[in-house]
Amino acid sequence: MNEERQDFPVGQENQSTEVQLNQAGSEEVLGEITIAPEIIATLAAITTMKVPGVTGMAGLPQASLGTLIGKRELNKGVKVDVKEKSVNLEISIAVDIEATIIEVARKVQQEVKQVIESKTGMKVNRIDINVREITYPEKEEEPAES
């Protein structure tokens, strides 16, 4: 049997899942799969940045999602607490002044929950959203009158 193991070691807070379905649909233990909290934080941050009205992760300089992907600081605005097979998250965001803050925060909660649960198989118990910054659209400078 060809066994493959992906390992993302980060200490005792890793998520482990030992059950996988075989081709007949019954469960068989193939080995341990661990998902580091940093992976969960990155998934949460990327998902958050895609929500309309979110202009960034609080504490990071304003930049597009494409610019931030691949940089370690992308998940700085996300705290992850993994206990057994469940996750609690705290996400700090910056929101556009023209957006309805409560609607943006709820949308972040919904989207992040769906992504984390579907991609990791873990249950998301709680997602706390901290709106730490409001951003304003940059105004074009008007030419000075002479």
Protein backbone atom coordinates (compact mmCIF):
# COMPACT_ATOMS: atom_id res chain seq x y z
CA MET A 1 0.00 0.00 0.00
CA ASN A 2 1.40 3.37 -0.97
CA GLU A 3 1.07 5.72 2.02
CA GLU A 4 1.47 9.45 1.62
CA ARG A 5 1.81 11.82 4.55
CA GLN A 6 1.58 15.57 4.55
CA ASP A 7 2.91 17.12 7.70
CA PHE A 8 2.62 20.72 8.82
CA PRO A 9 4.26 20.62 12.27
CA VAL A 10 3.47 23.54 14.55
CA GLY A 11 3.24 21.99 17.99
CA GLN A 12 0.34 20.55 19.90
CA GLU A 13 -2.34 22.75 18.35
CA ASN A 14 -2.33 20.91 15.01
CA GLN A 15 -5.59 19.37 13.83
CA SER A 16 -5.42 15.63 13.32
CA THR A 17 -7.84 13.54 11.33
CA GLU A 18 -7.20 9.83 11.11
CA VAL A 19 -10.19 8.59 9.13
CA GLN A 20 -10.51 8.45 5.37
CA LEU A 21 -13.10 6.70 3.23
CA ASN A 22 -11.86 3.93 0.97
CA GLN A 23 -13.28 3.28 -2.49
CA ALA A 24 -16.08 1.11 -1.06
CA GLY A 25 -17.18 4.00 1.15
CA SER A 26 -16.17 2.45 4.47
CA GLU A 27 -13.78 4.17 6.85
CA GLU A 28 -10.19 3.04 7.15
CA VAL A 29 -7.32 4.60 9.04
CA LEU A 30 -4.49 5.45 6.68
CA GLY A 31 -2.47 7.68 8.96
CA GLU A 32 -2.51 11.05 10.62
CA ILE A 33 -3.18 14.30 8.77
CA THR A 34 -2.22 17.50 10.52
CA ILE A 35 -3.22 21.01 9.55
CA ALA A 36 -1.17 23.77 11.12
CA PRO A 37 -2.99 26.74 12.67
CA GLU A 38 -1.04 28.97 10.26
CA ILE A 39 -2.74 27.22 7.33
CA ILE A 40 -6.16 27.87 8.87
CA ALA A 41 -5.20 31.50 9.50
CA THR A 42 -4.08 31.93 5.89
CA LEU A 43 -7.33 30.42 4.56
CA ALA A 44 -9.29 32.76 6.83
CA ALA A 45 -7.28 35.82 5.78
CA ILE A 46 -7.58 35.14 2.04
CA THR A 47 -11.31 34.49 2.37
CA THR A 48 -11.76 37.67 4.44
CA MET A 49 -9.94 39.81 1.87
CA LYS A 50 -12.35 38.62 -0.85
CA VAL A 51 -15.43 39.93 1.02
CA PRO A 52 -16.74 43.19 -0.50
CA GLY A 53 -16.21 46.09 1.90
CA VAL A 54 -13.10 44.61 3.53
CA THR A 55 -10.15 46.77 2.55
CA GLY A 56 -7.50 44.86 4.47
CA MET A 57 -6.45 42.98 7.52
CA ALA A 58 -6.06 45.35 10.47
CA GLY A 59 -2.46 46.18 11.20
CA LEU A 60 -1.23 45.57 7.66
CA PRO A 61 -0.47 48.25 5.09
CA GLN A 62 -3.19 48.60 2.46
CA ALA A 63 -2.40 46.30 -0.45
CA SER A 64 -4.27 44.15 -2.90
CA LEU A 65 -4.87 40.48 -2.14
CA GLY A 66 -2.53 39.50 -4.98
CA THR A 67 0.27 41.53 -3.40
CA LEU A 68 -0.26 39.96 0.03
CA ILE A 69 -0.54 36.30 -1.03
CA GLY A 70 2.65 34.46 -0.29
CA LYS A 71 3.73 36.90 2.40
CA ARG A 72 3.81 35.66 5.97
CA GLU A 73 2.16 38.80 7.33
CA LEU A 74 -1.09 38.07 5.45
CA ASN A 75 -2.46 36.13 8.42
CA LYS A 76 -1.32 38.65 11.07
CA GLY A 77 -4.90 39.84 11.55
CA VAL A 78 -6.11 36.31 12.38
CA LYS A 79 -5.83 34.44 15.67
CA VAL A 80 -6.59 30.71 15.61
CA ASP A 81 -7.43 28.50 18.57
CA VAL A 82 -7.68 24.78 17.72
CA LYS A 83 -9.13 22.39 20.28
CA GLU A 84 -9.60 18.76 19.29
CA LYS A 85 -11.46 18.97 15.96
CA SER A 86 -12.91 22.47 16.32
CA VAL A 87 -11.68 25.97 15.64
CA ASN A 88 -12.26 29.41 17.15
CA LEU A 89 -11.05 32.42 15.18
CA GLU A 90 -10.55 36.10 15.89
CA ILE A 91 -10.22 38.24 12.77
CA SER A 92 -9.25 41.93 12.77
CA ILE A 93 -10.20 43.87 9.66
CA ALA A 94 -10.27 47.26 8.00
CA VAL A 95 -13.57 48.23 6.37
CA ASP A 96 -14.43 50.77 3.68
CA ILE A 97 -16.23 53.80 5.17
CA GLU A 98 -18.97 53.46 2.54
CA ALA A 99 -19.80 49.85 3.53
CA THR A 100 -22.29 48.82 6.20
CA ILE A 101 -19.90 47.55 8.87
CA ILE A 102 -22.23 45.00 10.48
CA GLU A 103 -23.12 43.47 7.10
CA VAL A 104 -19.46 43.18 6.13
CA ALA A 105 -18.59 41.55 9.47
CA ARG A 106 -21.43 39.02 9.17
CA LYS A 107 -20.44 38.19 5.59
CA VAL A 108 -16.85 37.58 6.74
CA GLN A 109 -18.13 35.20 9.43
CA GLN A 110 -20.29 33.27 6.95
CA GLU A 111 -17.65 33.01 4.24
CA VAL A 112 -14.77 32.07 6.56
CA LYS A 113 -16.88 29.42 8.32
CA GLN A 114 -17.85 27.83 5.01
CA VAL A 115 -14.28 27.79 3.66
CA ILE A 116 -12.61 26.48 6.84
CA GLU A 117 -15.18 23.72 7.33
CA SER A 118 -15.18 22.61 3.70
CA LYS A 119 -11.40 22.68 3.20
CA THR A 120 -10.27 21.24 6.57
CA GLY A 121 -13.19 19.11 7.75
CA MET A 122 -12.99 20.90 11.10
CA LYS A 123 -15.97 22.46 12.88
CA VAL A 124 -15.86 26.22 13.33
CA ASN A 125 -17.39 27.11 16.70
CA ARG A 126 -16.84 30.85 16.81
CA ILE A 127 -15.56 33.67 14.62
CA ASP A 128 -15.09 37.00 16.39
CA ILE A 129 -14.67 39.99 14.10
CA ASN A 130 -12.83 43.09 15.29
CA VAL A 131 -13.22 46.12 13.04
CA ARG A 132 -10.03 48.01 13.86
CA GLU A 133 -9.82 50.46 10.98
CA ILE A 134 -12.04 52.40 8.62
CA THR A 135 -10.58 53.34 5.27
CA TYR A 136 -11.54 56.24 3.05
CA PRO A 137 -11.32 56.27 -0.72
CA GLU A 138 -8.36 58.28 -1.90
CA LYS A 139 -9.47 61.56 -3.42
CA GLU A 140 -7.80 62.83 -6.51
CA GLU A 141 -6.05 66.10 -5.87
CA GLU A 142 -7.69 69.03 -7.58
CA PRO A 143 -5.38 71.22 -9.60
CA ALA A 144 -4.51 74.45 -7.84
CA GLU A 145 -6.05 77.57 -9.33
CA SER A 146 -3.63 80.29 -10.35
